[in-house]
Amino acid sequence: MDPNAAPMHSYYLYVLYENFNGCVSKWKNIGIIAALPLPMACKLTQFASGRRYCFAIVGKDIYGRYGPYSEIQSVSAHEP
């Protein structure tokens, strides 16, 4: 973390998914998360089995400036 950076206001969470047949959705904003002291986490629910989900986050500081997007992370949803 940069000690000279402005405090964070919020984080925007984006997702896309890929079906088992290879069809890929468009990126969609699924939530704006208020910034809390790090480390922080959020719980996501309601995922369909058989899809691979990709996530990216971008932060917004208290002055309304957006930072770079995170590296994309993915996970596959399976039946419990």
PDB file of N, CA and C in Angstrom:
ATOM      1  N   MET A   1       0.837  -1.184   0.000  1.00  0.00           N
ATOM      2  CA  MET A   1       0.000   0.000   0.000  1.00  0.00           C
ATOM      3  C   MET A   1       0.879   1.243   0.000  1.00  0.00           C
ATOM      4  N   ASP A   2       0.393   2.252  -0.694  1.00  0.00           N
ATOM      5  CA  ASP A   2       1.094   3.524  -0.773  1.00  0.00           C
ATOM      6  C   ASP A   2       0.616   4.416   0.373  1.00  0.00           C
ATOM      7  N   PRO A   3       1.497   4.780   1.313  1.00  0.00           N
ATOM      8  CA  PRO A   3       1.062   5.608   2.444  1.00  0.00           C
ATOM      9  C   PRO A   3       0.659   7.018   2.027  1.00  0.00           C
ATOM     10  N   ASN A   4       1.016   7.432   0.806  1.00  0.00           N
ATOM     11  CA  ASN A   4       0.649   8.765   0.319  1.00  0.00           C
ATOM     12  C   ASN A   4      -0.633   8.765  -0.502  1.00  0.00           C
ATOM     13  N   ALA A   5      -1.198   7.607  -0.747  1.00  0.00           N
ATOM     14  CA  ALA A   5      -2.425   7.508  -1.547  1.00  0.00           C
ATOM     15  C   ALA A   5      -3.627   7.984  -0.730  1.00  0.00           C
ATOM     16  N   ALA A   6      -4.614   8.512  -1.433  1.00  0.00           N
ATOM     17  CA  ALA A   6      -5.853   8.949  -0.780  1.00  0.00           C
ATOM     18  C   ALA A   6      -6.597   7.737  -0.231  1.00  0.00           C
ATOM     19  N   PRO A   7      -7.348   7.912   0.853  1.00  0.00           N
ATOM     20  CA  PRO A   7      -8.140   6.802   1.392  1.00  0.00           C
ATOM     21  C   PRO A   7      -9.166   6.310   0.365  1.00  0.00           C
ATOM     22  N   MET A   8      -9.451   5.032   0.437  1.00  0.00           N
ATOM     23  CA  MET A   8     -10.425   4.431  -0.481  1.00  0.00           C
ATOM     24  C   MET A   8     -11.845   4.716  -0.001  1.00  0.00           C
ATOM     25  N   HIS A   9     -12.726   4.922  -0.967  1.00  0.00           N
ATOM     26  CA  HIS A   9     -14.145   5.134  -0.686  1.00  0.00           C
ATOM     27  C   HIS A   9     -14.931   3.843  -0.886  1.00  0.00           C
ATOM     28  N   SER A  10     -14.660   3.165  -2.013  1.00  0.00           N
ATOM     29  CA  SER A  10     -15.424   1.959  -2.351  1.00  0.00           C
ATOM     30  C   SER A  10     -14.675   1.133  -3.388  1.00  0.00           C
ATOM     31  N   TYR A  11     -15.192  -0.079  -3.588  1.00  0.00           N
ATOM     32  CA  TYR A  11     -14.657  -1.005  -4.580  1.00  0.00           C
ATOM     33  C   TYR A  11     -15.809  -1.484  -5.459  1.00  0.00           C
ATOM     34  N   TYR A  12     -15.566  -1.569  -6.750  1.00  0.00           N
ATOM     35  CA  TYR A  12     -16.564  -2.028  -7.708  1.00  0.00           C
ATOM     36  C   TYR A  12     -16.187  -3.439  -8.131  1.00  0.00           C
ATOM     37  N   LEU A  13     -17.122  -4.366  -7.969  1.00  0.00           N
ATOM     38  CA  LEU A  13     -16.886  -5.776  -8.256  1.00  0.00           C
ATOM     39  C   LEU A  13     -17.570  -6.148  -9.569  1.00  0.00           C
ATOM     40  N   TYR A  14     -16.783  -6.707 -10.494  1.00  0.00           N
ATOM     41  CA  TYR A  14     -17.284  -7.112 -11.802  1.00  0.00           C
ATOM     42  C   TYR A  14     -17.147  -8.617 -11.966  1.00  0.00           C
ATOM     43  N   VAL A  15     -18.080  -9.199 -12.731  1.00  0.00           N
ATOM     44  CA  VAL A  15     -18.055 -10.642 -12.996  1.00  0.00           C
ATOM     45  C   VAL A  15     -18.441 -10.906 -14.447  1.00  0.00           C
ATOM     46  N   LEU A  16     -17.879 -11.962 -14.999  1.00  0.00           N
ATOM     47  CA  LEU A  16     -18.392 -12.553 -16.230  1.00  0.00           C
ATOM     48  C   LEU A  16     -18.390 -14.057 -16.005  1.00  0.00           C
ATOM     49  N   TYR A  17     -19.175 -14.777 -16.795  1.00  0.00           N
ATOM     50  CA  TYR A  17     -19.193 -16.225 -16.625  1.00  0.00           C
ATOM     51  C   TYR A  17     -19.101 -16.911 -17.978  1.00  0.00           C
ATOM     52  N   GLU A  18     -18.606 -18.129 -17.920  1.00  0.00           N
ATOM     53  CA  GLU A  18     -18.504 -18.986 -19.097  1.00  0.00           C
ATOM     54  C   GLU A  18     -19.298 -20.253 -18.819  1.00  0.00           C
ATOM     55  N   ASN A  19     -20.238 -20.592 -19.709  1.00  0.00           N
ATOM     56  CA  ASN A  19     -21.014 -21.819 -19.584  1.00  0.00           C
ATOM     57  C   ASN A  19     -20.161 -23.021 -19.969  1.00  0.00           C
ATOM     58  N   PHE A  20     -20.649 -24.210 -19.648  1.00  0.00           N
ATOM     59  CA  PHE A  20     -19.937 -25.448 -19.980  1.00  0.00           C
ATOM     60  C   PHE A  20     -19.747 -25.605 -21.483  1.00  0.00           C
ATOM     61  N   ASN A  21     -20.600 -24.941 -22.294  1.00  0.00           N
ATOM     62  CA  ASN A  21     -20.494 -25.050 -23.751  1.00  0.00           C
ATOM     63  C   ASN A  21     -19.601 -23.963 -24.358  1.00  0.00           C
ATOM     64  N   GLY A  22     -18.965 -23.126 -23.512  1.00  0.00           N
ATOM     65  CA  GLY A  22     -18.019 -22.127 -23.998  1.00  0.00           C
ATOM     66  C   GLY A  22     -18.577 -20.741 -24.242  1.00  0.00           C
ATOM     67  N   CYS A  23     -19.886 -20.541 -24.070  1.00  0.00           N
ATOM     68  CA  CYS A  23     -20.469 -19.210 -24.253  1.00  0.00           C
ATOM     69  C   CYS A  23     -20.043 -18.311 -23.090  1.00  0.00           C
ATOM     70  N   VAL A  24     -19.591 -17.109 -23.420  1.00  0.00           N
ATOM     71  CA  VAL A  24     -19.083 -16.179 -22.406  1.00  0.00           C
ATOM     72  C   VAL A  24     -19.993 -14.962 -22.341  1.00  0.00           C
ATOM     73  N   SER A  25     -20.322 -14.532 -21.124  1.00  0.00           N
ATOM     74  CA  SER A  25     -21.146 -13.345 -20.926  1.00  0.00           C
ATOM     75  C   SER A  25     -20.295 -12.088 -21.033  1.00  0.00           C
ATOM     76  N   LYS A  26     -20.927 -10.938 -20.981  1.00  0.00           N
ATOM     77  CA  LYS A  26     -20.225  -9.663 -20.904  1.00  0.00           C
ATOM     78  C   LYS A  26     -19.907  -9.380 -19.440  1.00  0.00           C
ATOM     79  N   TRP A  27     -18.927  -8.511 -19.201  1.00  0.00           N
ATOM     80  CA  TRP A  27     -18.623  -8.089 -17.838  1.00  0.00           C
ATOM     81  C   TRP A  27     -19.811  -7.328 -17.273  1.00  0.00           C
ATOM     82  N   LYS A  28     -20.130  -7.590 -16.010  1.00  0.00           N
ATOM     83  CA  LYS A  28     -21.271  -6.947 -15.350  1.00  0.00           C
ATOM     84  C   LYS A  28     -20.857  -6.504 -13.956  1.00  0.00           C
ATOM     85  N   ASN A  29     -21.222  -5.277 -13.581  1.00  0.00           N
ATOM     86  CA  ASN A  29     -20.983  -4.791 -12.226  1.00  0.00           C
ATOM     87  C   ASN A  29     -22.017  -5.453 -11.317  1.00  0.00           C
ATOM     88  N   ILE A  30     -21.545  -6.222 -10.343  1.00  0.00           N
ATOM     89  CA  ILE A  30     -22.488  -6.913  -9.459  1.00  0.00           C
ATOM     90  C   ILE A  30     -22.527  -6.313  -8.057  1.00  0.00           C
ATOM     91  N   GLY A  31     -21.769  -5.247  -7.843  1.00  0.00           N
ATOM     92  CA  GLY A  31     -21.850  -4.628  -6.531  1.00  0.00           C
ATOM     93  C   GLY A  31     -20.818  -3.543  -6.313  1.00  0.00           C
ATOM     94  N   ILE A  32     -21.212  -2.609  -5.474  1.00  0.00           N
ATOM     95  CA  ILE A  32     -20.306  -1.571  -4.996  1.00  0.00           C
ATOM     96  C   ILE A  32     -20.150  -1.822  -3.504  1.00  0.00           C
ATOM     97  N   ILE A  33     -18.910  -2.011  -3.089  1.00  0.00           N
ATOM     98  CA  ILE A  33     -18.619  -2.397  -1.710  1.00  0.00           C
ATOM     99  C   ILE A  33     -17.942  -1.230  -1.007  1.00  0.00           C
ATOM    100  N   ALA A  34     -18.515  -0.797   0.109  1.00  0.00           N
ATOM    101  CA  ALA A  34     -17.912   0.286   0.879  1.00  0.00           C
ATOM    102  C   ALA A  34     -16.550  -0.148   1.396  1.00  0.00           C
ATOM    103  N   ALA A  35     -15.584   0.745   1.310  1.00  0.00           N
ATOM    104  CA  ALA A  35     -14.233   0.430   1.763  1.00  0.00           C
ATOM    105  C   ALA A  35     -14.191   0.306   3.283  1.00  0.00           C
ATOM    106  N   LEU A  36     -13.518  -0.730   3.733  1.00  0.00           N
ATOM    107  CA  LEU A  36     -13.273  -0.974   5.154  1.00  0.00           C
ATOM    108  C   LEU A  36     -11.765  -1.127   5.328  1.00  0.00           C
ATOM    109  N   PRO A  37     -11.274  -1.100   6.561  1.00  0.00           N
ATOM    110  CA  PRO A  37      -9.839  -1.336   6.750  1.00  0.00           C
ATOM    111  C   PRO A  37      -9.447  -2.709   6.194  1.00  0.00           C
ATOM    112  N   LEU A  38      -8.291  -2.766   5.543  1.00  0.00           N
ATOM    113  CA  LEU A  38      -7.803  -4.022   4.977  1.00  0.00           C
ATOM    114  C   LEU A  38      -7.238  -4.933   6.052  1.00  0.00           C
ATOM    115  N   PRO A  39      -7.297  -6.226   5.897  1.00  0.00           N
ATOM    116  CA  PRO A  39      -7.914  -6.941   4.780  1.00  0.00           C
ATOM    117  C   PRO A  39      -9.432  -6.967   4.925  1.00  0.00           C
ATOM    118  N   MET A  40     -10.116  -7.003   3.826  1.00  0.00           N
ATOM    119  CA  MET A  40     -11.576  -7.082   3.852  1.00  0.00           C
ATOM    120  C   MET A  40     -12.022  -8.164   2.881  1.00  0.00           C
ATOM    121  N   ALA A  41     -13.267  -8.618   3.035  1.00  0.00           N
ATOM    122  CA  ALA A  41     -13.810  -9.682   2.192  1.00  0.00           C
ATOM    123  C   ALA A  41     -15.302  -9.481   2.022  1.00  0.00           C
ATOM    124  N   CYS A  42     -15.869 -10.138   1.034  1.00  0.00           N
ATOM    125  CA  CYS A  42     -17.317 -10.162   0.866  1.00  0.00           C
ATOM    126  C   CYS A  42     -17.708 -11.572   0.454  1.00  0.00           C
ATOM    127  N   LYS A  43     -18.934 -11.943   0.754  1.00  0.00           N
ATOM    128  CA  LYS A  43     -19.429 -13.279   0.433  1.00  0.00           C
ATOM    129  C   LYS A  43     -20.391 -13.175  -0.741  1.00  0.00           C
ATOM    130  N   LEU A  44     -20.195 -14.022  -1.731  1.00  0.00           N
ATOM    131  CA  LEU A  44     -21.038 -14.042  -2.914  1.00  0.00           C
ATOM    132  C   LEU A  44     -21.849 -15.328  -2.918  1.00  0.00           C
ATOM    133  N   THR A  45     -23.108 -15.220  -3.315  1.00  0.00           N
ATOM    134  CA  THR A  45     -24.004 -16.384  -3.354  1.00  0.00           C
ATOM    135  C   THR A  45     -24.731 -16.420  -4.694  1.00  0.00           C
ATOM    136  N   GLN A  46     -25.523 -17.427  -4.887  1.00  0.00           N
ATOM    137  CA  GLN A  46     -26.394 -17.598  -6.052  1.00  0.00           C
ATOM    138  C   GLN A  46     -25.624 -17.798  -7.354  1.00  0.00           C
ATOM    139  N   PHE A  47     -24.712 -18.747  -7.347  1.00  0.00           N
ATOM    140  CA  PHE A  47     -23.970 -19.087  -8.550  1.00  0.00           C
ATOM    141  C   PHE A  47     -24.514 -20.374  -9.141  1.00  0.00           C
ATOM    142  N   ALA A  48     -24.572 -20.424 -10.461  1.00  0.00           N
ATOM    143  CA  ALA A  48     -25.082 -21.606 -11.153  1.00  0.00           C
ATOM    144  C   ALA A  48     -23.971 -22.630 -11.326  1.00  0.00           C
ATOM    145  N   SER A  49     -24.297 -23.880 -11.079  1.00  0.00           N
ATOM    146  CA  SER A  49     -23.343 -24.965 -11.251  1.00  0.00           C
ATOM    147  C   SER A  49     -23.003 -25.127 -12.726  1.00  0.00           C
ATOM    148  N   GLY A  50     -21.773 -25.520 -12.993  1.00  0.00           N
ATOM    149  CA  GLY A  50     -21.353 -25.760 -14.366  1.00  0.00           C
ATOM    150  C   GLY A  50     -20.821 -24.541 -15.085  1.00  0.00           C
ATOM    151  N   ARG A  51     -20.651 -23.455 -14.373  1.00  0.00           N
ATOM    152  CA  ARG A  51     -20.106 -22.232 -14.966  1.00  0.00           C
ATOM    153  C   ARG A  51     -18.769 -21.886 -14.324  1.00  0.00           C
ATOM    154  N   ARG A  52     -17.929 -21.238 -15.114  1.00  0.00           N
ATOM    155  CA  ARG A  52     -16.692 -20.680 -14.590  1.00  0.00           C
ATOM    156  C   ARG A  52     -16.906 -19.180 -14.483  1.00  0.00           C
ATOM    157  N   TYR A  53     -16.660 -18.623 -13.306  1.00  0.00           N
ATOM    158  CA  TYR A  53     -16.850 -17.196 -13.047  1.00  0.00           C
ATOM    159  C   TYR A  53     -15.499 -16.504 -12.958  1.00  0.00           C
ATOM    160  N   CYS A  54     -15.409 -15.343 -13.585  1.00  0.00           N
ATOM    161  CA  CYS A  54     -14.201 -14.518 -13.534  1.00  0.00           C
ATOM    162  C   CYS A  54     -14.549 -13.204 -12.855  1.00  0.00           C
ATOM    163  N   PHE A  55     -13.671 -12.752 -11.966  1.00  0.00           N
ATOM    164  CA  PHE A  55     -13.917 -11.556 -11.177  1.00  0.00           C
ATOM    165  C   PHE A  55     -12.795 -10.546 -11.342  1.00  0.00           C
ATOM    166  N   ALA A  56     -13.153  -9.272 -11.279  1.00  0.00           N
ATOM    167  CA  ALA A  56     -12.190  -8.179 -11.256  1.00  0.00           C
ATOM    168  C   ALA A  56     -12.748  -7.087 -10.350  1.00  0.00           C
ATOM    169  N   ILE A  57     -11.850  -6.356  -9.724  1.00  0.00           N
ATOM    170  CA  ILE A  57     -12.236  -5.274  -8.810  1.00  0.00           C
ATOM    171  C   ILE A  57     -11.469  -4.018  -9.197  1.00  0.00           C
ATOM    172  N   VAL A  58     -12.138  -2.890  -9.063  1.00  0.00           N
ATOM    173  CA  VAL A  58     -11.469  -1.594  -9.233  1.00  0.00           C
ATOM    174  C   VAL A  58     -11.871  -0.713  -8.047  1.00  0.00           C
ATOM    175  N   GLY A  59     -10.904  -0.002  -7.507  1.00  0.00           N
ATOM    176  CA  GLY A  59     -11.157   0.857  -6.352  1.00  0.00           C
ATOM    177  C   GLY A  59     -11.403   2.301  -6.746  1.00  0.00           C
ATOM    178  N   LYS A  60     -12.146   2.994  -5.894  1.00  0.00           N
ATOM    179  CA  LYS A  60     -12.444   4.420  -6.078  1.00  0.00           C
ATOM    180  C   LYS A  60     -12.045   5.134  -4.794  1.00  0.00           C
ATOM    181  N   ASP A  61     -11.242   6.188  -4.907  1.00  0.00           N
ATOM    182  CA  ASP A  61     -10.813   6.892  -3.698  1.00  0.00           C
ATOM    183  C   ASP A  61     -11.820   7.969  -3.289  1.00  0.00           C
ATOM    184  N   ILE A  62     -11.551   8.643  -2.184  1.00  0.00           N
ATOM    185  CA  ILE A  62     -12.504   9.628  -1.659  1.00  0.00           C
ATOM    186  C   ILE A  62     -12.652  10.847  -2.558  1.00  0.00           C
ATOM    187  N   TYR A  63     -11.762  11.007  -3.543  1.00  0.00           N
ATOM    188  CA  TYR A  63     -11.849  12.117  -4.491  1.00  0.00           C
ATOM    189  C   TYR A  63     -12.523  11.707  -5.795  1.00  0.00           C
ATOM    190  N   GLY A  64     -13.018  10.468  -5.864  1.00  0.00           N
ATOM    191  CA  GLY A  64     -13.718   9.985  -7.051  1.00  0.00           C
ATOM    192  C   GLY A  64     -12.818   9.457  -8.146  1.00  0.00           C
ATOM    193  N   ARG A  65     -11.547   9.245  -7.842  1.00  0.00           N
ATOM    194  CA  ARG A  65     -10.605   8.721  -8.835  1.00  0.00           C
ATOM    195  C   ARG A  65     -10.560   7.199  -8.752  1.00  0.00           C
ATOM    196  N   TYR A  66     -10.542   6.563  -9.916  1.00  0.00           N
ATOM    197  CA  TYR A  66     -10.488   5.106  -9.995  1.00  0.00           C
ATOM    198  C   TYR A  66      -9.052   4.648 -10.173  1.00  0.00           C
ATOM    199  N   GLY A  67      -8.708   3.563  -9.529  1.00  0.00           N
ATOM    200  CA  GLY A  67      -7.390   2.972  -9.682  1.00  0.00           C
ATOM    201  C   GLY A  67      -7.392   1.956 -10.801  1.00  0.00           C
ATOM    202  N   PRO A  68      -6.321   1.200 -10.935  1.00  0.00           N
ATOM    203  CA  PRO A  68      -6.272   0.157 -11.965  1.00  0.00           C
ATOM    204  C   PRO A  68      -7.147  -1.039 -11.576  1.00  0.00           C
ATOM    205  N   TYR A  69      -7.578  -1.777 -12.575  1.00  0.00           N
ATOM    206  CA  TYR A  69      -8.327  -3.006 -12.304  1.00  0.00           C
ATOM    207  C   TYR A  69      -7.388  -4.056 -11.729  1.00  0.00           C
ATOM    208  N   SER A  70      -7.945  -4.893 -10.882  1.00  0.00           N
ATOM    209  CA  SER A  70      -7.170  -5.998 -10.316  1.00  0.00           C
ATOM    210  C   SER A  70      -6.874  -7.021 -11.397  1.00  0.00           C
ATOM    211  N   GLU A  71      -5.998  -7.953 -11.074  1.00  0.00           N
ATOM    212  CA  GLU A  71      -5.823  -9.106 -11.950  1.00  0.00           C
ATOM    213  C   GLU A  71      -7.105  -9.927 -11.880  1.00  0.00           C
ATOM    214  N   ILE A  72      -7.481 -10.526 -12.987  1.00  0.00           N
ATOM    215  CA  ILE A  72      -8.700 -11.333 -13.047  1.00  0.00           C
ATOM    216  C   ILE A  72      -8.465 -12.641 -12.312  1.00  0.00           C
ATOM    217  N   GLN A  73      -9.434 -13.006 -11.475  1.00  0.00           N
ATOM    218  CA  GLN A  73      -9.404 -14.274 -10.751  1.00  0.00           C
ATOM    219  C   GLN A  73     -10.630 -15.079 -11.164  1.00  0.00           C
ATOM    220  N   SER A  74     -10.494 -16.388 -11.247  1.00  0.00           N
ATOM    221  CA  SER A  74     -11.637 -17.209 -11.666  1.00  0.00           C
ATOM    222  C   SER A  74     -11.862 -18.381 -10.721  1.00  0.00           C
ATOM    223  N   VAL A  75     -13.093 -18.874 -10.753  1.00  0.00           N
ATOM    224  CA  VAL A  75     -13.484 -20.029  -9.943  1.00  0.00           C
ATOM    225  C   VAL A  75     -14.583 -20.762 -10.704  1.00  0.00           C
ATOM    226  N   SER A  76     -14.630 -22.089 -10.589  1.00  0.00           N
ATOM    227  CA  SER A  76     -15.684 -22.891 -11.195  1.00  0.00           C
ATOM    228  C   SER A  76     -16.697 -23.282 -10.143  1.00  0.00           C
ATOM    229  N   ALA A  77     -17.973 -23.137 -10.490  1.00  0.00           N
ATOM    230  CA  ALA A  77     -19.050 -23.486  -9.566  1.00  0.00           C
ATOM    231  C   ALA A  77     -19.478 -24.923  -9.825  1.00  0.00           C
ATOM    232  N   HIS A  78     -19.606 -25.695  -8.740  1.00  0.00           N
ATOM    233  CA  HIS A  78     -20.022 -27.098  -8.834  1.00  0.00           C
ATOM    234  C   HIS A  78     -21.140 -27.343  -7.842  1.00  0.00           C
ATOM    235  N   GLU A  79     -21.915 -28.385  -8.095  1.00  0.00           N
ATOM    236  CA  GLU A  79     -22.968 -28.809  -7.150  1.00  0.00           C
ATOM    237  C   GLU A  79     -22.338 -29.133  -5.811  1.00  0.00           C
ATOM    238  N   PRO A  80     -22.998 -28.758  -4.706  1.00  0.00           N
ATOM    239  CA  PRO A  80     -22.441 -29.098  -3.373  1.00  0.00           C
ATOM    240  C   PRO A  80     -22.475 -30.580  -3.087  1.00  0.00           C
TER     241      PRO A  80
END
